[in-house]
C-alpha atoms as a PDB file:
ATOM      1  CA  MET A   1     -63.941 -42.511-225.757  1.00  0.00           C
ATOM      2  CA  PRO A   2     -61.839 -41.503-228.853  1.00  0.00           C
ATOM      3  CA  PRO A   3     -60.646 -44.393-231.045  1.00  0.00           C
ATOM      4  CA  MET A   4     -56.938 -43.926-230.156  1.00  0.00           C
ATOM      5  CA  LYS A   5     -57.632 -43.955-226.435  1.00  0.00           C
ATOM      6  CA  THR A   6     -59.840 -47.057-226.789  1.00  0.00           C
ATOM      7  CA  TYR A   7     -57.138 -48.836-228.802  1.00  0.00           C
ATOM      8  CA  SER A   8     -54.471 -48.101-226.226  1.00  0.00           C
ATOM      9  CA  TYR A   9     -56.632 -49.303-223.353  1.00  0.00           C
ATOM     10  CA  ILE A  10     -57.737 -52.572-225.110  1.00  0.00           C
ATOM     11  CA  LEU A  11     -54.129 -53.270-226.211  1.00  0.00           C
ATOM     12  CA  SER A  12     -52.840 -53.102-222.602  1.00  0.00           C
ATOM     13  CA  TRP A  13     -55.434 -55.593-221.470  1.00  0.00           C
ATOM     14  CA  LEU A  14     -54.659 -57.904-224.416  1.00  0.00           C
ATOM     15  CA  ILE A  15     -50.955 -57.982-223.411  1.00  0.00           C
ATOM     16  CA  VAL A  16     -51.879 -59.096-219.857  1.00  0.00           C
ATOM     17  CA  ALA A  17     -54.306 -61.733-221.253  1.00  0.00           C
ATOM     18  CA  MET A  18     -51.648 -63.065-223.630  1.00  0.00           C
ATOM     19  CA  PHE A  19     -49.071 -63.447-220.867  1.00  0.00           C
ATOM     20  CA  THR A  20     -51.686 -65.136-218.603  1.00  0.00           C
ATOM     21  CA  PHE A  21     -52.576 -67.582-221.386  1.00  0.00           C
ATOM     22  CA  SER A  22     -48.957 -68.382-222.004  1.00  0.00           C
ATOM     23  CA  ALA A  23     -48.361 -69.115-218.336  1.00  0.00           C
ATOM     24  CA  SER A  24     -51.482 -71.362-218.238  1.00  0.00           C
ATOM     25  CA  ALA A  25     -50.444 -73.228-221.356  1.00  0.00           C
ATOM     26  CA  MET A  26     -47.132 -74.209-219.745  1.00  0.00           C
ATOM     27  CA  SER A  27     -48.839 -75.836-216.694  1.00  0.00           C
ATOM     28  CA  GLY A  28     -47.870 -79.311-215.548  1.00  0.00           C
ATOM     29  CA  SER A  29     -44.256 -80.516-215.314  1.00  0.00           C
ATOM     30  CA  SER A  30     -42.938 -77.308-216.933  1.00  0.00           C
ATOM     31  CA  LEU A  31     -44.349 -74.994-214.293  1.00  0.00           C
ATOM     32  CA  GLN A  32     -44.360 -74.642-210.558  1.00  0.00           C
ATOM     33  CA  GLN A  33     -47.502 -72.743-209.636  1.00  0.00           C
ATOM     34  CA  GLY A  34     -47.698 -70.401-206.674  1.00  0.00           C
ATOM     35  CA  SER A  35     -51.044 -69.647-204.969  1.00  0.00           C
ATOM     36  CA  LEU A  36     -52.828 -66.305-204.864  1.00  0.00           C
ATOM     37  CA  LEU A  37     -51.113 -63.779-202.567  1.00  0.00           C
ATOM     38  CA  ASN A  38     -48.239 -66.173-202.062  1.00  0.00           C
ATOM     39  CA  GLY A  39     -44.664 -65.436-203.055  1.00  0.00           C
ATOM     40  CA  ASP A  40     -43.349 -68.843-201.990  1.00  0.00           C
ATOM     41  CA  SER A  41     -43.682 -70.750-205.280  1.00  0.00           C
ATOM     42  CA  ALA A  42     -39.986 -70.300-206.145  1.00  0.00           C
ATOM     43  CA  LYS A  43     -38.588 -70.171-202.584  1.00  0.00           C
ATOM     44  CA  SER A  44     -36.586 -73.371-202.951  1.00  0.00           C
ATOM     45  CA  TYR A  45     -34.948 -71.971-206.099  1.00  0.00           C
ATOM     46  CA  ASP A  46     -34.492 -68.315-205.241  1.00  0.00           C
ATOM     47  CA  VAL A  47     -35.426 -66.972-201.833  1.00  0.00           C
ATOM     48  CA  ILE A  48     -35.191 -63.266-202.771  1.00  0.00           C
ATOM     49  CA  HIS A  49     -36.996 -63.122-206.124  1.00  0.00           C
ATOM     50  CA  ASP A  50     -39.923 -61.231-204.612  1.00  0.00           C
ATOM     51  CA  GLY A  51     -40.077 -60.051-201.041  1.00  0.00           C
ATOM     52  CA  GLY A  52     -38.309 -62.638-198.891  1.00  0.00           C
ATOM     53  CA  PRO A  53     -35.480 -61.473-196.641  1.00  0.00           C
ATOM     54  CA  ARG A  54     -35.164 -58.063-198.337  1.00  0.00           C
ATOM     55  CA  VAL A  55     -37.088 -56.346-195.534  1.00  0.00           C
ATOM     56  CA  LEU A  56     -36.021 -52.701-196.246  1.00  0.00           C
ATOM     57  CA  SER A  57     -35.547 -50.879-199.528  1.00  0.00           C
ATOM     58  CA  VAL A  58     -34.118 -47.427-200.122  1.00  0.00           C
ATOM     59  CA  GLY A  59     -34.399 -45.707-203.493  1.00  0.00           C
ATOM     60  CA  ALA A  60     -34.857 -42.666-205.655  1.00  0.00           C
ATOM     61  CA  TYR A  61     -37.475 -42.037-208.336  1.00  0.00           C
ATOM     62  CA  VAL A  62     -37.322 -39.495-211.176  1.00  0.00           C
ATOM     63  CA  ALA A  63     -39.923 -38.932-213.906  1.00  0.00           C
ATOM     64  CA  ASN A  64     -41.126 -36.489-216.475  1.00  0.00           C
ATOM     65  CA  GLN A  65     -44.938 -36.675-216.508  1.00  0.00           C
ATOM     66  CA  LYS A  66     -47.160 -35.085-219.200  1.00  0.00           C
ATOM     67  CA  ARG A  67     -50.927 -35.004-218.787  1.00  0.00           C
ATOM     68  CA  GLY A  68     -53.861 -33.013-220.064  1.00  0.00           C
ATOM     69  CA  MET A  69     -56.031 -31.381-217.387  1.00  0.00           C
ATOM     70  CA  ASP A  70     -59.634 -30.337-217.963  1.00  0.00           C
ATOM     71  CA  ALA A  71     -60.877 -27.136-216.258  1.00  0.00           C
ATOM     72  CA  ASN A  72     -64.476 -26.313-217.175  1.00  0.00           C
ATOM     73  CA  GLY A  73     -64.147 -27.848-220.601  1.00  0.00           C
ATOM     74  CA  THR A  74     -60.774 -26.281-221.367  1.00  0.00           C
ATOM     75  CA  VAL A  75     -57.885 -28.693-221.554  1.00  0.00           C
ATOM     76  CA  SER A  76     -54.412 -27.440-220.601  1.00  0.00           C
ATOM     77  CA  ASP A  77     -51.099 -29.297-220.893  1.00  0.00           C
ATOM     78  CA  TRP A  78     -49.392 -30.179-217.652  1.00  0.00           C
ATOM     79  CA  GLU A  79     -45.736 -31.260-217.323  1.00  0.00           C
ATOM     80  CA  ILE A  80     -44.437 -32.395-213.911  1.00  0.00           C
ATOM     81  CA  SER A  81     -40.850 -33.305-213.123  1.00  0.00           C
ATOM     82  CA  HIS A  82     -40.652 -35.588-210.127  1.00  0.00           C
ATOM     83  CA  MET A  83     -37.691 -36.254-207.870  1.00  0.00           C
ATOM     84  CA  ILE A  84     -38.537 -38.444-204.857  1.00  0.00           C
ATOM     85  CA  ALA A  85     -36.569 -40.386-202.322  1.00  0.00           C
ATOM     86  CA  TYR A  86     -38.467 -43.286-200.788  1.00  0.00           C
ATOM     87  CA  LEU A  87     -38.366 -46.181-198.328  1.00  0.00           C
ATOM     88  CA  GLY A  88     -40.045 -49.561-198.834  1.00  0.00           C
ATOM     89  CA  LEU A  89     -40.888 -52.107-196.149  1.00  0.00           C
ATOM     90  CA  ASP A  90     -41.709 -55.699-197.034  1.00  0.00           C
ATOM     91  CA  LEU A  91     -44.473 -56.693-194.559  1.00  0.00           C
ATOM     92  CA  THR A  92     -44.727 -60.125-196.120  1.00  0.00           C
ATOM     93  CA  SER A  93     -43.251 -61.877-199.199  1.00  0.00           C
ATOM     94  CA  TRP A  94     -46.110 -60.473-201.270  1.00  0.00           C
ATOM     95  CA  LEU A  95     -46.784 -57.024-199.750  1.00  0.00           C
ATOM     96  CA  THR A  96     -44.612 -53.908-199.635  1.00  0.00           C
ATOM     97  CA  VAL A  97     -45.556 -50.479-198.267  1.00  0.00           C
ATOM     98  CA  ILE A  98     -43.770 -47.405-199.638  1.00  0.00           C
ATOM     99  CA  GLY A  99     -43.402 -43.842-198.406  1.00  0.00           C
ATOM    100  CA  GLY A 100     -41.325 -40.984-199.747  1.00  0.00           C
ATOM    101  CA  ALA A 101     -40.783 -37.263-200.201  1.00  0.00           C
ATOM    102  CA  GLY A 102     -39.100 -34.983-202.715  1.00  0.00           C
ATOM    103  CA  GLN A 103     -39.823 -32.085-204.974  1.00  0.00           C
ATOM    104  CA  SER A 104     -41.816 -31.458-208.138  1.00  0.00           C
ATOM    105  CA  ASP A 105     -41.651 -28.846-210.897  1.00  0.00           C
ATOM    106  CA  LEU A 106     -45.049 -28.092-212.473  1.00  0.00           C
ATOM    107  CA  SER A 107     -45.344 -26.342-215.855  1.00  0.00           C
ATOM    108  CA  ILE A 108     -48.783 -25.398-217.182  1.00  0.00           C
ATOM    109  CA  GLN A 109     -48.920 -24.392-220.848  1.00  0.00           C
ATOM    110  CA  GLY A 110     -45.218 -23.561-220.724  1.00  0.00           C
ATOM    111  CA  ASP A 111     -45.523 -21.510-217.539  1.00  0.00           C
ATOM    112  CA  THR A 112     -42.840 -22.900-215.199  1.00  0.00           C
ATOM    113  CA  ARG A 113     -43.679 -22.458-211.537  1.00  0.00           C
ATOM    114  CA  ASP A 114     -41.598 -22.801-208.368  1.00  0.00           C
ATOM    115  CA  SER A 115     -40.260 -26.175-207.273  1.00  0.00           C
ATOM    116  CA  ASP A 116     -42.342 -27.507-204.372  1.00  0.00           C
ATOM    117  CA  PHE A 117     -42.383 -30.281-201.843  1.00  0.00           C
ATOM    118  CA  GLU A 118     -44.280 -33.480-202.875  1.00  0.00           C
ATOM    119  CA  TRP A 119     -45.046 -36.694-200.954  1.00  0.00           C
ATOM    120  CA  LEU A 120     -45.503 -40.292-202.009  1.00  0.00           C
ATOM    121  CA  GLY A 121     -47.401 -43.137-200.334  1.00  0.00           C
ATOM    122  CA  GLY A 122     -48.519 -46.512-201.630  1.00  0.00           C
ATOM    123  CA  ILE A 123     -48.398 -50.318-201.684  1.00  0.00           C
ATOM    124  CA  GLN A 124     -47.104 -53.028-204.017  1.00  0.00           C
ATOM    125  CA  VAL A 125     -48.789 -56.398-204.103  1.00  0.00           C
ATOM    126  CA  ARG A 126     -47.338 -59.495-205.797  1.00  0.00           C
ATOM    127  CA  PHE A 127     -50.380 -61.522-206.660  1.00  0.00           C
ATOM    128  CA  LEU A 128     -48.998 -64.443-208.598  1.00  0.00           C
ATOM    129  CA  ASN A 129     -45.527 -65.833-209.222  1.00  0.00           C
ATOM    130  CA  TYR A 130     -44.768 -68.740-211.546  1.00  0.00           C
ATOM    131  CA  MET A 131     -41.321 -70.253-212.030  1.00  0.00           C
ATOM    132  CA  VAL A 132     -40.895 -71.909-215.386  1.00  0.00           C
ATOM    133  CA  LEU A 133     -38.706 -74.982-214.831  1.00  0.00           C
ATOM    134  CA  ASP A 134     -38.575 -76.027-218.519  1.00  0.00           C
ATOM    135  CA  PRO A 135     -38.110 -72.752-220.527  1.00  0.00           C
ATOM    136  CA  LEU A 136     -39.455 -72.511-223.992  1.00  0.00           C
ATOM    137  CA  PHE A 137     -36.220 -70.820-225.129  1.00  0.00           C
ATOM    138  CA  GLY A 138     -32.671 -70.648-223.710  1.00  0.00           C
ATOM    139  CA  ASP A 139     -31.214 -72.418-220.705  1.00  0.00           C
ATOM    140  CA  ASN A 140     -32.038 -69.898-218.006  1.00  0.00           C
ATOM    141  CA  ALA A 141     -35.040 -70.273-215.698  1.00  0.00           C
ATOM    142  CA  TYR A 142     -37.609 -67.498-215.761  1.00  0.00           C
ATOM    143  CA  TRP A 143     -40.683 -66.328-213.880  1.00  0.00           C
ATOM    144  CA  VAL A 144     -44.101 -65.068-214.972  1.00  0.00           C
ATOM    145  CA  SER A 145     -45.642 -62.779-212.368  1.00  0.00           C
ATOM    146  CA  ILE A 146     -48.680 -60.533-211.814  1.00  0.00           C
ATOM    147  CA  ASP A 147     -48.139 -57.436-209.723  1.00  0.00           C
ATOM    148  CA  THR A 148     -50.074 -54.354-208.768  1.00  0.00           C
ATOM    149  CA  ASP A 149     -48.881 -50.947-207.738  1.00  0.00           C
ATOM    150  CA  ILE A 150     -51.204 -48.424-205.976  1.00  0.00           C
ATOM    151  CA  HIS A 151     -49.855 -45.077-204.867  1.00  0.00           C
ATOM    152  CA  SER A 152     -50.692 -41.414-204.315  1.00  0.00           C
ATOM    153  CA  ILE A 153     -48.546 -38.374-205.044  1.00  0.00           C
ATOM    154  CA  GLY A 154     -49.497 -34.890-203.943  1.00  0.00           C
ATOM    155  CA  SER A 155     -48.110 -31.376-203.928  1.00  0.00           C
ATOM    156  CA  THR A 156     -48.913 -27.673-203.953  1.00  0.00           C
ATOM    157  CA  SER A 157     -47.364 -25.623-206.759  1.00  0.00           C
ATOM    158  CA  GLU A 158     -46.843 -21.941-206.016  1.00  0.00           C
ATOM    159  CA  GLY A 159     -47.091 -19.449-208.843  1.00  0.00           C
ATOM    160  CA  ILE A 160     -47.086 -15.692-209.318  1.00  0.00           C
ATOM    161  CA  ASN A 161     -50.820 -15.401-209.890  1.00  0.00           C
ATOM    162  CA  SER A 162     -52.154 -18.502-208.061  1.00  0.00           C
ATOM    163  CA  ASP A 163     -51.325 -21.725-206.242  1.00  0.00           C
ATOM    164  CA  VAL A 164     -52.367 -25.104-207.553  1.00  0.00           C
ATOM    165  CA  THR A 165     -52.884 -28.031-205.153  1.00  0.00           C
ATOM    166  CA  TRP A 166     -53.031 -31.413-206.865  1.00  0.00           C
ATOM    167  CA  LEU A 167     -53.288 -35.107-206.011  1.00  0.00           C
ATOM    168  CA  GLU A 168     -52.679 -38.124-208.218  1.00  0.00           C
ATOM    169  CA  ILE A 169     -54.100 -41.610-207.400  1.00  0.00           C
ATOM    170  CA  PHE A 170     -52.383 -44.229-209.528  1.00  0.00           C
ATOM    171  CA  GLY A 171     -52.946 -47.962-209.998  1.00  0.00           C
ATOM    172  CA  SER A 172     -51.565 -50.534-212.375  1.00  0.00           C
ATOM    173  CA  LEU A 173     -51.895 -54.275-212.980  1.00  0.00           C
ATOM    174  CA  THR A 174     -48.812 -55.616-214.791  1.00  0.00           C
ATOM    175  CA  MET A 175     -47.656 -58.931-216.085  1.00  0.00           C
ATOM    176  CA  SER A 176     -43.912 -59.413-216.109  1.00  0.00           C
ATOM    177  CA  MET A 177     -41.426 -62.006-217.350  1.00  0.00           C
ATOM    178  CA  THR A 178     -38.175 -62.254-215.416  1.00  0.00           C
ATOM    179  CA  ILE A 179     -35.119 -64.076-216.792  1.00  0.00           C
ATOM    180  CA  ASP A 180     -32.455 -65.221-214.380  1.00  0.00           C
ATOM    181  CA  THR A 181     -29.197 -64.369-216.212  1.00  0.00           C
ATOM    182  CA  GLU A 182     -26.875 -65.144-213.274  1.00  0.00           C
ATOM    183  CA  ARG A 183     -25.414 -68.119-215.122  1.00  0.00           C
ATOM    184  CA  GLY A 184     -23.948 -65.724-217.661  1.00  0.00           C
ATOM    185  CA  GLY A 185     -22.239 -63.746-214.874  1.00  0.00           C
ATOM    186  CA  LEU A 186     -23.149 -60.262-216.244  1.00  0.00           C
ATOM    187  CA  LEU A 187     -26.463 -59.457-214.522  1.00  0.00           C
ATOM    188  CA  ASP A 188     -28.602 -61.103-211.855  1.00  0.00           C
ATOM    189  CA  ARG A 189     -32.029 -60.669-213.580  1.00  0.00           C
ATOM    190  CA  ILE A 190     -33.774 -58.813-216.382  1.00  0.00           C
ATOM    191  CA  SER A 191     -37.583 -58.285-216.441  1.00  0.00           C
ATOM    192  CA  ILE A 192     -39.993 -56.784-218.917  1.00  0.00           C
ATOM    193  CA  PHE A 193     -43.425 -55.741-217.749  1.00  0.00           C
ATOM    194  CA  ALA A 194     -46.618 -54.303-219.243  1.00  0.00           C
ATOM    195  CA  GLY A 195     -50.258 -53.796-218.384  1.00  0.00           C
ATOM    196  CA  PRO A 196     -53.228 -51.447-217.934  1.00  0.00           C
ATOM    197  CA  ALA A 197     -53.048 -48.423-215.631  1.00  0.00           C
ATOM    198  CA  TYR A 198     -55.455 -45.937-214.012  1.00  0.00           C
ATOM    199  CA  SER A 199     -54.430 -42.415-213.007  1.00  0.00           C
ATOM    200  CA  SER A 200     -56.828 -39.916-211.483  1.00  0.00           C
ATOM    201  CA  ILE A 201     -55.512 -36.356-210.956  1.00  0.00           C
ATOM    202  CA  THR A 202     -57.607 -33.713-209.149  1.00  0.00           C
ATOM    203  CA  ALA A 203     -56.437 -30.141-208.730  1.00  0.00           C
ATOM    204  CA  THR A 204     -57.666 -26.888-207.196  1.00  0.00           C
ATOM    205  CA  ASP A 205     -56.500 -23.461-208.401  1.00  0.00           C
ATOM    206  CA  SER A 206     -56.534 -20.716-205.778  1.00  0.00           C
ATOM    207  CA  ASP A 207     -57.470 -17.990-208.311  1.00  0.00           C
ATOM    208  CA  GLY A 208     -61.103 -19.079-208.280  1.00  0.00           C
ATOM    209  CA  PHE A 209     -61.625 -18.927-212.045  1.00  0.00           C
ATOM    210  CA  SER A 210     -60.843 -22.638-212.709  1.00  0.00           C
ATOM    211  CA  ALA A 211     -61.186 -23.880-209.167  1.00  0.00           C
ATOM    212  CA  ASP A 212     -61.553 -27.549-210.005  1.00  0.00           C
ATOM    213  CA  MET A 213     -59.519 -29.456-212.563  1.00  0.00           C
ATOM    214  CA  ASN A 214     -59.414 -33.158-213.488  1.00  0.00           C
ATOM    215  CA  GLU A 215     -57.308 -35.326-215.755  1.00  0.00           C
ATOM    216  CA  ASP A 216     -58.439 -35.468-219.412  1.00  0.00           C
ATOM    217  CA  GLN A 217     -57.929 -39.246-219.571  1.00  0.00           C
ATOM    218  CA  ALA A 218     -57.705 -41.592-216.603  1.00  0.00           C
ATOM    219  CA  THR A 219     -57.183 -44.997-218.289  1.00  0.00           C
ATOM    220  CA  GLY A 220     -53.948 -45.907-219.949  1.00  0.00           C
ATOM    221  CA  PHE A 221     -50.987 -48.242-220.316  1.00  0.00           C
ATOM    222  CA  VAL A 222     -47.682 -48.822-218.466  1.00  0.00           C
ATOM    223  CA  GLY A 223     -44.668 -50.842-219.539  1.00  0.00           C
ATOM    224  CA  GLY A 224     -40.907 -51.046-219.178  1.00  0.00           C
ATOM    225  CA  ILE A 225     -37.867 -52.974-218.215  1.00  0.00           C
ATOM    226  CA  GLN A 226     -36.287 -53.807-214.848  1.00  0.00           C
ATOM    227  CA  ILE A 227     -32.622 -54.768-214.479  1.00  0.00           C
ATOM    228  CA  ASP A 228     -31.042 -56.241-211.367  1.00  0.00           C
ATOM    229  CA  PRO A 229     -27.241 -55.881-211.598  1.00  0.00           C
ATOM    230  CA  SER A 230     -27.075 -57.840-208.335  1.00  0.00           C
ATOM    231  CA  GLU A 231     -29.514 -59.356-205.914  1.00  0.00           C
ATOM    232  CA  ASN A 232     -29.543 -56.162-203.830  1.00  0.00           C
ATOM    233  CA  VAL A 233     -29.807 -53.481-206.598  1.00  0.00           C
ATOM    234  CA  THR A 234     -32.752 -52.793-208.924  1.00  0.00           C
ATOM    235  CA  LEU A 235     -32.830 -50.369-211.831  1.00  0.00           C
ATOM    236  CA  ARG A 236     -36.327 -49.802-213.323  1.00  0.00           C
ATOM    237  CA  LEU A 237     -37.253 -47.820-216.449  1.00  0.00           C
ATOM    238  CA  GLU A 238     -40.934 -47.125-217.067  1.00  0.00           C
ATOM    239  CA  PHE A 239     -43.115 -45.722-219.859  1.00  0.00           C
ATOM    240  CA  GLN A 240     -46.718 -44.490-219.341  1.00  0.00           C
ATOM    241  CA  GLN A 241     -49.252 -43.702-221.999  1.00  0.00           C
ATOM    242  CA  PHE A 242     -52.427 -41.824-221.134  1.00  0.00           C
ATOM    243  CA  ASP A 243     -53.425 -38.767-223.214  1.00  0.00           C
ATOM    244  CA  SER A 244     -49.697 -38.083-223.438  1.00  0.00           C
ATOM    245  CA  SER A 245     -46.450 -40.112-222.983  1.00  0.00           C
ATOM    246  CA  SER A 246     -44.456 -40.015-219.765  1.00  0.00           C
ATOM    247  CA  VAL A 247     -41.167 -41.636-218.796  1.00  0.00           C
ATOM    248  CA  GLY A 248     -39.539 -42.325-215.465  1.00  0.00           C
ATOM    249  CA  GLY A 249     -37.025 -44.469-213.648  1.00  0.00           C
ATOM    250  CA  SER A 250     -35.956 -45.642-210.209  1.00  0.00           C
ATOM    251  CA  LEU A 251     -32.866 -47.011-208.501  1.00  0.00           C
ATOM    252  CA  THR A 252     -33.474 -49.164-205.432  1.00  0.00           C
ATOM    253  CA  PHE A 253     -31.142 -50.780-202.894  1.00  0.00           C
ATOM    254  CA  HIS A 254     -32.488 -53.782-200.917  1.00  0.00           C
ATOM    255  CA  PHE A 255     -31.387 -54.818-197.445  1.00  0.00           C
END
């Protein structure tokens, strides 16, 4: 693995480890600890922090994704613009299933193709949720959480010379710190998150010359910020780093 890729991968794991150590160091009277796969640790303080009564979510996701794709040793630059509308269902306080549909624009080496239908399916799991009762800074309570996101996105891009069918399988393990700012009266919550990510993309070109393609780098890093203007609205901005940088965002309404 090239030095830069190795550095990015190791750095993402170090960030998660540092957050985990910080949460462990604050154990005792300063911390209320939730159990694995249990979102109830902060229920008496905030019943809708994760999961809870927000059974249904409706949102939109947009992103500009840049990746290198390897076809028989030749790497080409892919750029995909995503626009997806999705529904989320909280099965429990720690598990959400997501499904959606939209359109994608695929450009290969500057060759823009037709916009095509794409689909999304996945799950979100909230593994661990700690509420810090005695903050190290400020007066507002905050949470330290561990979450994972696993989803697939697929589409077929039609072009003049050939059609490309592709599928991405994505997974991330992120540590987040959420600050309850409701006392200030401006926003409900602000979170920052970061952690390692894995993204496998497989593609088939109908022209037969480069029938099978795979991502140039599957391991990477994800990070960003999440803002809750109110308890029923979430705005999320995300940055991904694999062989190239990608940015995206989502707006979600919870019911």
